[in-house]
All heavy atoms as atom14 arrays in JSON, in Angstrom:
{
  "sequence": "RLSCEASGFIFNNAIMKWSRQAPGKQRELVAGFISPLRIFYDDSV",
  "atom14_mask": [
    [1, 1, 1, 1, 1, 1, 1, 1, 1, 1, 1, 0, 0, 0],
    [1, 1, 1, 1, 1, 1, 1, 1, 0, 0, 0, 0, 0, 0],
    [1, 1, 1, 1, 1, 1, 0, 0, 0, 0, 0, 0, 0, 0],
    [1, 1, 1, 1, 1, 1, 0, 0, 0, 0, 0, 0, 0, 0],
    [1, 1, 1, 1, 1, 1, 1, 1, 1, 0, 0, 0, 0, 0],
    [1, 1, 1, 1, 1, 0, 0, 0, 0, 0, 0, 0, 0, 0],
    [1, 1, 1, 1, 1, 1, 0, 0, 0, 0, 0, 0, 0, 0],
    [1, 1, 1, 1, 0, 0, 0, 0, 0, 0, 0, 0, 0, 0],
    [1, 1, 1, 1, 1, 1, 1, 1, 1, 1, 1, 0, 0, 0],
    [1, 1, 1, 1, 1, 1, 1, 1, 0, 0, 0, 0, 0, 0],
    [1, 1, 1, 1, 1, 1, 1, 1, 1, 1, 1, 0, 0, 0],
    [1, 1, 1, 1, 1, 1, 1, 1, 0, 0, 0, 0, 0, 0],
    [1, 1, 1, 1, 1, 1, 1, 1, 0, 0, 0, 0, 0, 0],
    [1, 1, 1, 1, 1, 0, 0, 0, 0, 0, 0, 0, 0, 0],
    [1, 1, 1, 1, 1, 1, 1, 1, 0, 0, 0, 0, 0, 0],
    [1, 1, 1, 1, 1, 1, 1, 1, 0, 0, 0, 0, 0, 0],
    [1, 1, 1, 1, 1, 1, 1, 1, 1, 0, 0, 0, 0, 0],
    [1, 1, 1, 1, 1, 1, 1, 1, 1, 1, 1, 1, 1, 1],
    [1, 1, 1, 1, 1, 1, 0, 0, 0, 0, 0, 0, 0, 0],
    [1, 1, 1, 1, 1, 1, 1, 1, 1, 1, 1, 0, 0, 0],
    [1, 1, 1, 1, 1, 1, 1, 1, 1, 0, 0, 0, 0, 0],
    [1, 1, 1, 1, 1, 0, 0, 0, 0, 0, 0, 0, 0, 0],
    [1, 1, 1, 1, 1, 1, 1, 0, 0, 0, 0, 0, 0, 0],
    [1, 1, 1, 1, 0, 0, 0, 0, 0, 0, 0, 0, 0, 0],
    [1, 1, 1, 1, 1, 1, 1, 1, 1, 0, 0, 0, 0, 0],
    [1, 1, 1, 1, 1, 1, 1, 1, 1, 0, 0, 0, 0, 0],
    [1, 1, 1, 1, 1, 1, 1, 1, 1, 1, 1, 0, 0, 0],
    [1, 1, 1, 1, 1, 1, 1, 1, 1, 0, 0, 0, 0, 0],
    [1, 1, 1, 1, 1, 1, 1, 1, 0, 0, 0, 0, 0, 0],
    [1, 1, 1, 1, 1, 1, 1, 0, 0, 0, 0, 0, 0, 0],
    [1, 1, 1, 1, 1, 0, 0, 0, 0, 0, 0, 0, 0, 0],
    [1, 1, 1, 1, 0, 0, 0, 0, 0, 0, 0, 0, 0, 0],
    [1, 1, 1, 1, 1, 1, 1, 1, 1, 1, 1, 0, 0, 0],
    [1, 1, 1, 1, 1, 1, 1, 1, 0, 0, 0, 0, 0, 0],
    [1, 1, 1, 1, 1, 1, 0, 0, 0, 0, 0, 0, 0, 0],
    [1, 1, 1, 1, 1, 1, 1, 0, 0, 0, 0, 0, 0, 0],
    [1, 1, 1, 1, 1, 1, 1, 1, 0, 0, 0, 0, 0, 0],
    [1, 1, 1, 1, 1, 1, 1, 1, 1, 1, 1, 0, 0, 0],
    [1, 1, 1, 1, 1, 1, 1, 1, 0, 0, 0, 0, 0, 0],
    [1, 1, 1, 1, 1, 1, 1, 1, 1, 1, 1, 0, 0, 0],
    [1, 1, 1, 1, 1, 1, 1, 1, 1, 1, 1, 1, 0, 0],
    [1, 1, 1, 1, 1, 1, 1, 1, 0, 0, 0, 0, 0, 0],
    [1, 1, 1, 1, 1, 1, 1, 1, 0, 0, 0, 0, 0, 0],
    [1, 1, 1, 1, 1, 1, 0, 0, 0, 0, 0, 0, 0, 0],
    [1, 1, 1, 1, 1, 1, 1, 0, 0, 0, 0, 0, 0, 0]
  ],
  "atom14_positions": [
    [[0.86, -1.19, 0.0], [0.0, 0.0, 0.0], [0.89, 1.24, 0.0], [1.65, 1.45, 0.96], [-0.9, 0.01, 1.22], [-1.94, 1.13, 1.2], [-2.58, 1.29, 2.55], [-3.81, 2.09, 2.5], [-4.25, 2.83, 3.51], [-3.58, 2.86, 4.64], [-5.37, 3.5, 3.38], [0.0, 0.0, 0.0], [0.0, 0.0, 0.0], [0.0, 0.0, 0.0]],
    [[0.79, 1.99, -1.06], [1.55, 3.23, -1.16], [0.71, 4.38, -0.6], [-0.51, 4.41, -0.78], [1.92, 3.53, -2.61], [2.7, 2.43, -3.35], [3.08, 2.93, -4.75], [3.92, 2.0, -2.58], [0.0, 0.0, 0.0], [0.0, 0.0, 0.0], [0.0, 0.0, 0.0], [0.0, 0.0, 0.0], [0.0, 0.0, 0.0], [0.0, 0.0, 0.0]],
    [[1.39, 5.31, 0.05], [0.73, 6.51, 0.58], [1.4, 7.74, 0.0], [2.6, 7.72, -0.31], [0.83, 6.54, 2.1], [0.19, 5.43, 2.69], [0.0, 0.0, 0.0], [0.0, 0.0, 0.0], [0.0, 0.0, 0.0], [0.0, 0.0, 0.0], [0.0, 0.0, 0.0], [0.0, 0.0, 0.0], [0.0, 0.0, 0.0], [0.0, 0.0, 0.0]],
    [[0.63, 8.79, -0.12], [1.15, 10.07, -0.6], [0.59, 11.17, 0.27], [-0.63, 11.33, 0.37], [0.76, 10.28, -2.06], [1.15, 11.92, -2.72], [0.0, 0.0, 0.0], [0.0, 0.0, 0.0], [0.0, 0.0, 0.0], [0.0, 0.0, 0.0], [0.0, 0.0, 0.0], [0.0, 0.0, 0.0], [0.0, 0.0, 0.0], [0.0, 0.0, 0.0]],
    [[1.49, 11.91, 0.89], [1.08, 13.03, 1.73], [1.24, 14.32, 0.93], [2.34, 14.61, 0.43], [1.92, 13.08, 3.0], [1.52, 14.18, 3.95], [2.31, 14.13, 5.26], [3.18, 13.25, 5.39], [2.05, 14.98, 6.13], [0.0, 0.0, 0.0], [0.0, 0.0, 0.0], [0.0, 0.0, 0.0], [0.0, 0.0, 0.0], [0.0, 0.0, 0.0]],
    [[0.16, 15.06, 0.79], [0.17, 16.28, -0.01], [0.15, 17.51, 0.9], [-0.47, 17.5, 1.97], [-1.03, 16.32, -0.94], [0.0, 0.0, 0.0], [0.0, 0.0, 0.0], [0.0, 0.0, 0.0], [0.0, 0.0, 0.0], [0.0, 0.0, 0.0], [0.0, 0.0, 0.0], [0.0, 0.0, 0.0], [0.0, 0.0, 0.0], [0.0, 0.0, 0.0]],
    [[0.84, 18.55, 0.47], [0.83, 19.8, 1.22], [1.15, 20.96, 0.28], [1.65, 20.76, -0.83], [1.84, 19.76, 2.37], [3.15, 19.61, 1.88], [0.0, 0.0, 0.0], [0.0, 0.0, 0.0], [0.0, 0.0, 0.0], [0.0, 0.0, 0.0], [0.0, 0.0, 0.0], [0.0, 0.0, 0.0], [0.0, 0.0, 0.0], [0.0, 0.0, 0.0]],
    [[0.83, 22.15, 0.74], [1.18, 23.35, -0.02], [0.15, 23.79, -1.02], [0.4, 24.74, -1.79], [0.0, 0.0, 0.0], [0.0, 0.0, 0.0], [0.0, 0.0, 0.0], [0.0, 0.0, 0.0], [0.0, 0.0, 0.0], [0.0, 0.0, 0.0], [0.0, 0.0, 0.0], [0.0, 0.0, 0.0], [0.0, 0.0, 0.0], [0.0, 0.0, 0.0]],
    [[-1.01, 23.14, -1.05], [-2.05, 23.54, -1.99], [-3.4, 23.08, -1.45], [-3.48, 22.28, -0.53], [-1.8, 22.96, -3.38], [-1.78, 21.46, -3.44], [-2.9, 20.73, -3.82], [-0.63, 20.75, -3.11], [-2.88, 19.35, -3.89], [-0.59, 19.37, -3.17], [-1.72, 18.67, -3.56], [0.0, 0.0, 0.0], [0.0, 0.0, 0.0], [0.0, 0.0, 0.0]],
    [[-4.47, 23.63, -2.05], [-5.82, 23.23, -1.65], [-6.11, 21.89, -2.3], [-6.26, 21.78, -3.52], [-6.85, 24.29, -2.08], [-6.53, 25.62, -1.39], [-8.26, 23.83, -1.72], [-7.39, 26.78, -1.84], [0.0, 0.0, 0.0], [0.0, 0.0, 0.0], [0.0, 0.0, 0.0], [0.0, 0.0, 0.0], [0.0, 0.0, 0.0], [0.0, 0.0, 0.0]],
    [[-6.17, 20.87, -1.48], [-6.24, 19.5, -1.97], [-7.42, 19.28, -2.9], [-7.29, 18.62, -3.93], [-6.33, 18.55, -0.77], [-6.14, 17.1, -1.11], [-4.88, 16.59, -1.4], [-7.23, 16.24, -1.11], [-4.7, 15.26, -1.71], [-7.06, 14.9, -1.41], [-5.79, 14.4, -1.72], [0.0, 0.0, 0.0], [0.0, 0.0, 0.0], [0.0, 0.0, 0.0]],
    [[-8.58, 19.83, -2.56], [-9.79, 19.61, -3.36], [-9.7, 20.24, -4.74], [-10.51, 19.93, -5.61], [-11.01, 20.14, -2.62], [-11.36, 19.29, -1.41], [-10.8, 18.22, -1.22], [-12.27, 19.77, -0.59], [0.0, 0.0, 0.0], [0.0, 0.0, 0.0], [0.0, 0.0, 0.0], [0.0, 0.0, 0.0], [0.0, 0.0, 0.0], [0.0, 0.0, 0.0]],
    [[-8.75, 21.14, -4.95], [-8.6, 21.8, -6.25], [-7.73, 21.01, -7.22], [-7.61, 21.37, -8.39], [-7.98, 23.19, -6.08], [-8.96, 24.17, -5.47], [-10.15, 23.87, -5.32], [-8.47, 25.33, -5.08], [0.0, 0.0, 0.0], [0.0, 0.0, 0.0], [0.0, 0.0, 0.0], [0.0, 0.0, 0.0], [0.0, 0.0, 0.0], [0.0, 0.0, 0.0]],
    [[-7.1, 19.96, -6.73], [-6.13, 19.22, -7.54], [-6.71, 17.88, -8.01], [-7.57, 17.3, -7.35], [-4.85, 18.96, -6.75], [0.0, 0.0, 0.0], [0.0, 0.0, 0.0], [0.0, 0.0, 0.0], [0.0, 0.0, 0.0], [0.0, 0.0, 0.0], [0.0, 0.0, 0.0], [0.0, 0.0, 0.0], [0.0, 0.0, 0.0], [0.0, 0.0, 0.0]],
    [[-6.2, 17.42, -9.14], [-6.54, 16.1, -9.65], [-5.37, 15.18, -9.33], [-4.27, 15.36, -9.89], [-6.81, 16.14, -11.16], [-7.97, 17.07, -11.46], [-7.11, 14.73, -11.68], [-8.18, 17.34, -12.93], [0.0, 0.0, 0.0], [0.0, 0.0, 0.0], [0.0, 0.0, 0.0], [0.0, 0.0, 0.0], [0.0, 0.0, 0.0], [0.0, 0.0, 0.0]],
    [[-5.59, 14.22, -8.46], [-4.5, 13.39, -7.98], [-4.32, 12.15, -8.86], [-5.29, 11.64, -9.45], [-4.75, 12.96, -6.53], [-4.95, 14.11, -5.56], [-3.57, 15.26, -5.53], [-2.25, 14.21, -4.91], [0.0, 0.0, 0.0], [0.0, 0.0, 0.0], [0.0, 0.0, 0.0], [0.0, 0.0, 0.0], [0.0, 0.0, 0.0], [0.0, 0.0, 0.0]],
    [[-3.09, 11.65, -8.93], [-2.81, 10.51, -9.8], [-1.55, 9.8, -9.35], [-0.78, 10.33, -8.54], [-2.64, 10.97, -11.24], [-1.66, 12.11, -11.44], [-1.79, 12.72, -12.81], [-0.97, 13.99, -12.95], [-1.12, 14.63, -14.26], [0.0, 0.0, 0.0], [0.0, 0.0, 0.0], [0.0, 0.0, 0.0], [0.0, 0.0, 0.0], [0.0, 0.0, 0.0]],
    [[-1.36, 8.6, -9.86], [-0.15, 7.8, -9.63], [0.43, 7.38, -10.98], [-0.31, 6.99, -11.89], [-0.47, 6.53, -8.84], [-0.78, 6.73, -7.4], [-2.01, 6.88, -6.83], [0.15, 6.8, -6.32], [-1.9, 7.03, -5.48], [-0.57, 6.97, -5.13], [1.55, 6.71, -6.23], [0.03, 7.08, -3.88], [2.16, 6.81, -4.99], [1.39, 6.99, -3.84]],
    [[1.73, 7.45, -11.09], [2.42, 6.93, -12.26], [3.56, 6.04, -11.8], [3.88, 6.0, -10.61], [2.95, 8.07, -13.13], [4.0, 8.75, -12.47], [0.0, 0.0, 0.0], [0.0, 0.0, 0.0], [0.0, 0.0, 0.0], [0.0, 0.0, 0.0], [0.0, 0.0, 0.0], [0.0, 0.0, 0.0], [0.0, 0.0, 0.0], [0.0, 0.0, 0.0]],
    [[4.16, 5.34, -12.73], [5.32, 4.51, -12.39], [6.28, 4.5, -13.57], [5.9, 4.72, -14.72], [4.91, 3.08, -12.06], [4.37, 2.28, -13.23], [3.91, 0.9, -12.8], [3.33, 0.15, -13.91], [2.67, -0.99, -13.77], [2.5, -1.52, -12.54], [2.17, -1.61, -14.82], [0.0, 0.0, 0.0], [0.0, 0.0, 0.0], [0.0, 0.0, 0.0]],
    [[7.53, 4.23, -13.24], [8.56, 4.11, -14.28], [9.36, 2.86, -14.02], [10.06, 2.75, -13.0], [9.46, 5.33, -14.3], [10.44, 5.32, -15.46], [11.02, 6.69, -15.73], [11.0, 7.58, -14.89], [11.56, 6.87, -16.92], [0.0, 0.0, 0.0], [0.0, 0.0, 0.0], [0.0, 0.0, 0.0], [0.0, 0.0, 0.0], [0.0, 0.0, 0.0]],
    [[9.24, 1.91, -14.93], [10.01, 0.68, -14.84], [11.41, 0.91, -15.41], [11.61, 1.83, -16.21], [9.31, -0.43, -15.62], [0.0, 0.0, 0.0], [0.0, 0.0, 0.0], [0.0, 0.0, 0.0], [0.0, 0.0, 0.0], [0.0, 0.0, 0.0], [0.0, 0.0, 0.0], [0.0, 0.0, 0.0], [0.0, 0.0, 0.0], [0.0, 0.0, 0.0]],
    [[12.37, 0.11, -15.0], [13.75, 0.28, -15.51], [13.78, 0.23, -17.03], [13.25, -0.69, -17.65], [14.48, -0.92, -14.91], [13.71, -1.27, -13.69], [12.28, -0.97, -14.02], [0.0, 0.0, 0.0], [0.0, 0.0, 0.0], [0.0, 0.0, 0.0], [0.0, 0.0, 0.0], [0.0, 0.0, 0.0], [0.0, 0.0, 0.0], [0.0, 0.0, 0.0]],
    [[14.38, 1.24, -17.62], [14.53, 1.28, -19.07], [13.27, 1.62, -19.84], [13.26, 1.55, -21.07], [0.0, 0.0, 0.0], [0.0, 0.0, 0.0], [0.0, 0.0, 0.0], [0.0, 0.0, 0.0], [0.0, 0.0, 0.0], [0.0, 0.0, 0.0], [0.0, 0.0, 0.0], [0.0, 0.0, 0.0], [0.0, 0.0, 0.0], [0.0, 0.0, 0.0]],
    [[12.21, 2.01, -19.14], [10.95, 2.33, -19.82], [10.5, 3.74, -19.48], [10.97, 4.34, -18.52], [9.86, 1.32, -19.42], [10.14, -0.1, -19.88], [8.95, -0.99, -19.62], [9.18, -2.39, -20.14], [8.0, -3.27, -19.92], [0.0, 0.0, 0.0], [0.0, 0.0, 0.0], [0.0, 0.0, 0.0], [0.0, 0.0, 0.0], [0.0, 0.0, 0.0]],
    [[9.56, 4.24, -20.28], [9.02, 5.55, -20.01], [8.04, 5.49, -18.86], [7.44, 4.45, -18.57], [8.31, 6.09, -21.27], [9.25, 6.49, -22.38], [8.54, 7.22, -23.51], [7.37, 6.96, -23.78], [9.23, 8.14, -24.15], [0.0, 0.0, 0.0], [0.0, 0.0, 0.0], [0.0, 0.0, 0.0], [0.0, 0.0, 0.0], [0.0, 0.0, 0.0]],
    [[7.86, 6.65, -18.22], [6.89, 6.71, -17.14], [5.49, 6.53, -17.73], [5.19, 7.04, -18.8], [6.99, 8.04, -16.41], [6.15, 8.11, -15.16], [6.22, 9.47, -14.49], [7.56, 9.78, -14.01], [7.8, 10.78, -13.16], [6.81, 11.53, -12.72], [9.03, 11.02, -12.77], [0.0, 0.0, 0.0], [0.0, 0.0, 0.0], [0.0, 0.0, 0.0]],
    [[4.66, 5.79, -16.98], [3.28, 5.56, -17.43], [2.3, 5.87, -16.31], [2.6, 5.66, -15.12], [3.09, 4.12, -17.9], [3.35, 3.07, -16.84], [3.1, 1.65, -17.31], [2.61, 1.47, -18.45], [3.37, 0.71, -16.54], [0.0, 0.0, 0.0], [0.0, 0.0, 0.0], [0.0, 0.0, 0.0], [0.0, 0.0, 0.0], [0.0, 0.0, 0.0]],
    [[1.13, 6.37, -16.7], [0.09, 6.66, -15.74], [-0.56, 5.36, -15.3], [-0.96, 4.55, -16.14], [-0.96, 7.59, -16.35], [-2.06, 8.08, -15.43], [-1.49, 8.97, -14.33], [-3.12, 8.85, -16.22], [0.0, 0.0, 0.0], [0.0, 0.0, 0.0], [0.0, 0.0, 0.0], [0.0, 0.0, 0.0], [0.0, 0.0, 0.0], [0.0, 0.0, 0.0]],
    [[-0.65, 5.16, -14.01], [-1.21, 3.92, -13.47], [-2.67, 4.12, -13.07], [-3.53, 3.3, -13.37], [-0.38, 3.46, -12.25], [-1.05, 2.29, -11.56], [1.03, 3.1, -12.67], [0.0, 0.0, 0.0], [0.0, 0.0, 0.0], [0.0, 0.0, 0.0], [0.0, 0.0, 0.0], [0.0, 0.0, 0.0], [0.0, 0.0, 0.0], [0.0, 0.0, 0.0]],
    [[-2.94, 5.22, -12.37], [-4.29, 5.49, -11.9], [-4.43, 6.99, -11.66], [-3.45, 7.67, -11.34], [-4.58, 4.73, -10.62], [0.0, 0.0, 0.0], [0.0, 0.0, 0.0], [0.0, 0.0, 0.0], [0.0, 0.0, 0.0], [0.0, 0.0, 0.0], [0.0, 0.0, 0.0], [0.0, 0.0, 0.0], [0.0, 0.0, 0.0], [0.0, 0.0, 0.0]],
    [[-5.66, 7.49, -11.76], [-5.88, 8.9, -11.51], [-7.35, 9.22, -11.44], [-8.17, 8.52, -12.06], [0.0, 0.0, 0.0], [0.0, 0.0, 0.0], [0.0, 0.0, 0.0], [0.0, 0.0, 0.0], [0.0, 0.0, 0.0], [0.0, 0.0, 0.0], [0.0, 0.0, 0.0], [0.0, 0.0, 0.0], [0.0, 0.0, 0.0], [0.0, 0.0, 0.0]],
    [[-7.67, 10.25, -10.7], [-9.07, 10.67, -10.58], [-9.5, 11.37, -11.87], [-8.84, 12.28, -12.34], [-9.25, 11.61, -9.39], [-9.37, 10.89, -8.08], [-8.25, 10.71, -7.28], [-10.59, 10.41, -7.64], [-8.35, 10.04, -6.06], [-10.7, 9.74, -6.43], [-9.57, 9.55, -5.64], [0.0, 0.0, 0.0], [0.0, 0.0, 0.0], [0.0, 0.0, 0.0]],
    [[-10.62, 10.91, -12.42], [-11.25, 11.59, -13.54], [-12.25, 12.6, -12.99], [-12.41, 13.7, -13.52], [-11.97, 10.57, -14.45], [-10.96, 9.55, -15.0], [-12.71, 11.27, -15.57], [-11.6, 8.41, -15.75], [0.0, 0.0, 0.0], [0.0, 0.0, 0.0], [0.0, 0.0, 0.0], [0.0, 0.0, 0.0], [0.0, 0.0, 0.0], [0.0, 0.0, 0.0]],
    [[-12.94, 12.21, -11.93], [-13.88, 13.06, -11.23], [-13.83, 12.6, -9.78], [-13.19, 11.6, -9.48], [-15.29, 12.93, -11.82], [-15.81, 11.64, -11.54], [0.0, 0.0, 0.0], [0.0, 0.0, 0.0], [0.0, 0.0, 0.0], [0.0, 0.0, 0.0], [0.0, 0.0, 0.0], [0.0, 0.0, 0.0], [0.0, 0.0, 0.0], [0.0, 0.0, 0.0]],
    [[-14.5, 13.3, -8.87], [-14.44, 12.87, -7.47], [-14.83, 11.42, -7.22], [-14.38, 10.81, -6.27], [-15.41, 13.83, -6.78], [-15.32, 15.07, -7.6], [-15.17, 14.6, -9.02], [0.0, 0.0, 0.0], [0.0, 0.0, 0.0], [0.0, 0.0, 0.0], [0.0, 0.0, 0.0], [0.0, 0.0, 0.0], [0.0, 0.0, 0.0], [0.0, 0.0, 0.0]],
    [[-15.67, 10.86, -8.1], [-16.14, 9.49, -7.88], [-15.68, 8.53, -8.96], [-16.05, 7.36, -8.94], [-17.67, 9.47, -7.77], [-18.26, 10.24, -6.6], [-19.77, 10.16, -6.62], [-17.73, 9.7, -5.27], [0.0, 0.0, 0.0], [0.0, 0.0, 0.0], [0.0, 0.0, 0.0], [0.0, 0.0, 0.0], [0.0, 0.0, 0.0], [0.0, 0.0, 0.0]],
    [[-14.9, 9.0, -9.92], [-14.45, 8.13, -11.0], [-12.94, 8.12, -11.06], [-12.3, 9.18, -11.04], [-15.03, 8.58, -12.34], [-16.5, 8.29, -12.52], [-16.95, 8.7, -13.91], [-16.25, 7.94, -14.95], [-16.12, 8.34, -16.21], [-16.63, 9.49, -16.6], [-15.5, 7.59, -17.1], [0.0, 0.0, 0.0], [0.0, 0.0, 0.0], [0.0, 0.0, 0.0]],
    [[-12.39, 6.93, -11.17], [-10.94, 6.77, -11.21], [-10.54, 6.01, -12.45], [-11.13, 4.97, -12.77], [-10.42, 6.04, -9.95], [-10.79, 6.83, -8.69], [-8.9, 5.84, -10.03], [-10.48, 6.1, -7.4], [0.0, 0.0, 0.0], [0.0, 0.0, 0.0], [0.0, 0.0, 0.0], [0.0, 0.0, 0.0], [0.0, 0.0, 0.0], [0.0, 0.0, 0.0]],
    [[-9.55, 6.52, -13.15], [-8.96, 5.82, -14.3], [-7.92, 4.83, -13.81], [-7.15, 5.14, -12.89], [-8.31, 6.84, -15.22], [-7.25, 6.25, -16.12], [-7.6, 5.67, -17.32], [-5.91, 6.26, -15.75], [-6.62, 5.13, -18.14], [-4.93, 5.72, -16.56], [-5.29, 5.15, -17.77], [0.0, 0.0, 0.0], [0.0, 0.0, 0.0], [0.0, 0.0, 0.0]],
    [[-7.91, 3.65, -14.42], [-6.86, 2.67, -14.16], [-6.29, 2.2, -15.49], [-7.05, 1.92, -16.44], [-7.38, 1.45, -13.4], [-7.82, 1.73, -11.99], [-9.16, 1.91, -11.67], [-6.88, 1.84, -10.97], [-9.55, 2.18, -10.37], [-7.26, 2.1, -9.66], [-8.6, 2.28, -9.37], [-8.98, 2.54, -8.09], [0.0, 0.0, 0.0], [0.0, 0.0, 0.0]],
    [[-4.99, 2.09, -15.56], [-4.38, 1.49, -16.74], [-4.82, 0.04, -16.82], [-5.0, -0.63, -15.79], [-2.86, 1.59, -16.65], [-2.19, 1.09, -17.9], [-2.18, 1.82, -18.9], [-1.69, -0.06, -17.88], [0.0, 0.0, 0.0], [0.0, 0.0, 0.0], [0.0, 0.0, 0.0], [0.0, 0.0, 0.0], [0.0, 0.0, 0.0], [0.0, 0.0, 0.0]],
    [[-4.95, -0.46, -18.04], [-5.4, -1.85, -18.22], [-4.52, -2.85, -17.48], [-4.99, -3.9, -17.03], [-5.44, -2.21, -19.71], [-6.61, -1.58, -20.43], [-7.55, -1.11, -19.75], [-6.58, -1.53, -21.67], [0.0, 0.0, 0.0], [0.0, 0.0, 0.0], [0.0, 0.0, 0.0], [0.0, 0.0, 0.0], [0.0, 0.0, 0.0], [0.0, 0.0, 0.0]],
    [[-3.25, -2.55, -17.37], [-2.31, -3.49, -16.75], [-2.54, -3.67, -15.26], [-2.04, -4.64, -14.67], [-0.87, -3.04, -17.0], [-0.62, -1.79, -16.36], [0.0, 0.0, 0.0], [0.0, 0.0, 0.0], [0.0, 0.0, 0.0], [0.0, 0.0, 0.0], [0.0, 0.0, 0.0], [0.0, 0.0, 0.0], [0.0, 0.0, 0.0], [0.0, 0.0, 0.0]],
    [[-3.29, -2.74, -14.63], [-3.48, -2.82, -13.18], [-4.94, -2.96, -12.78], [-5.24, -3.13, -11.59], [-2.86, -1.61, -12.45], [-1.4, -1.44, -12.86], [-3.64, -0.33, -12.71], [0.0, 0.0, 0.0], [0.0, 0.0, 0.0], [0.0, 0.0, 0.0], [0.0, 0.0, 0.0], [0.0, 0.0, 0.0], [0.0, 0.0, 0.0], [0.0, 0.0, 0.0]]
  ]
}
């Protein structure tokens, strides 16, 4: 379980997301909020 602590901005104004970068590969988006109740997930996860 990964955690992310955010500070320095109004949290509700931001669109939060997670990405990853495997060795030798480009960074890819793993998951992210599309709306407050909808989350995008990459097919691989």
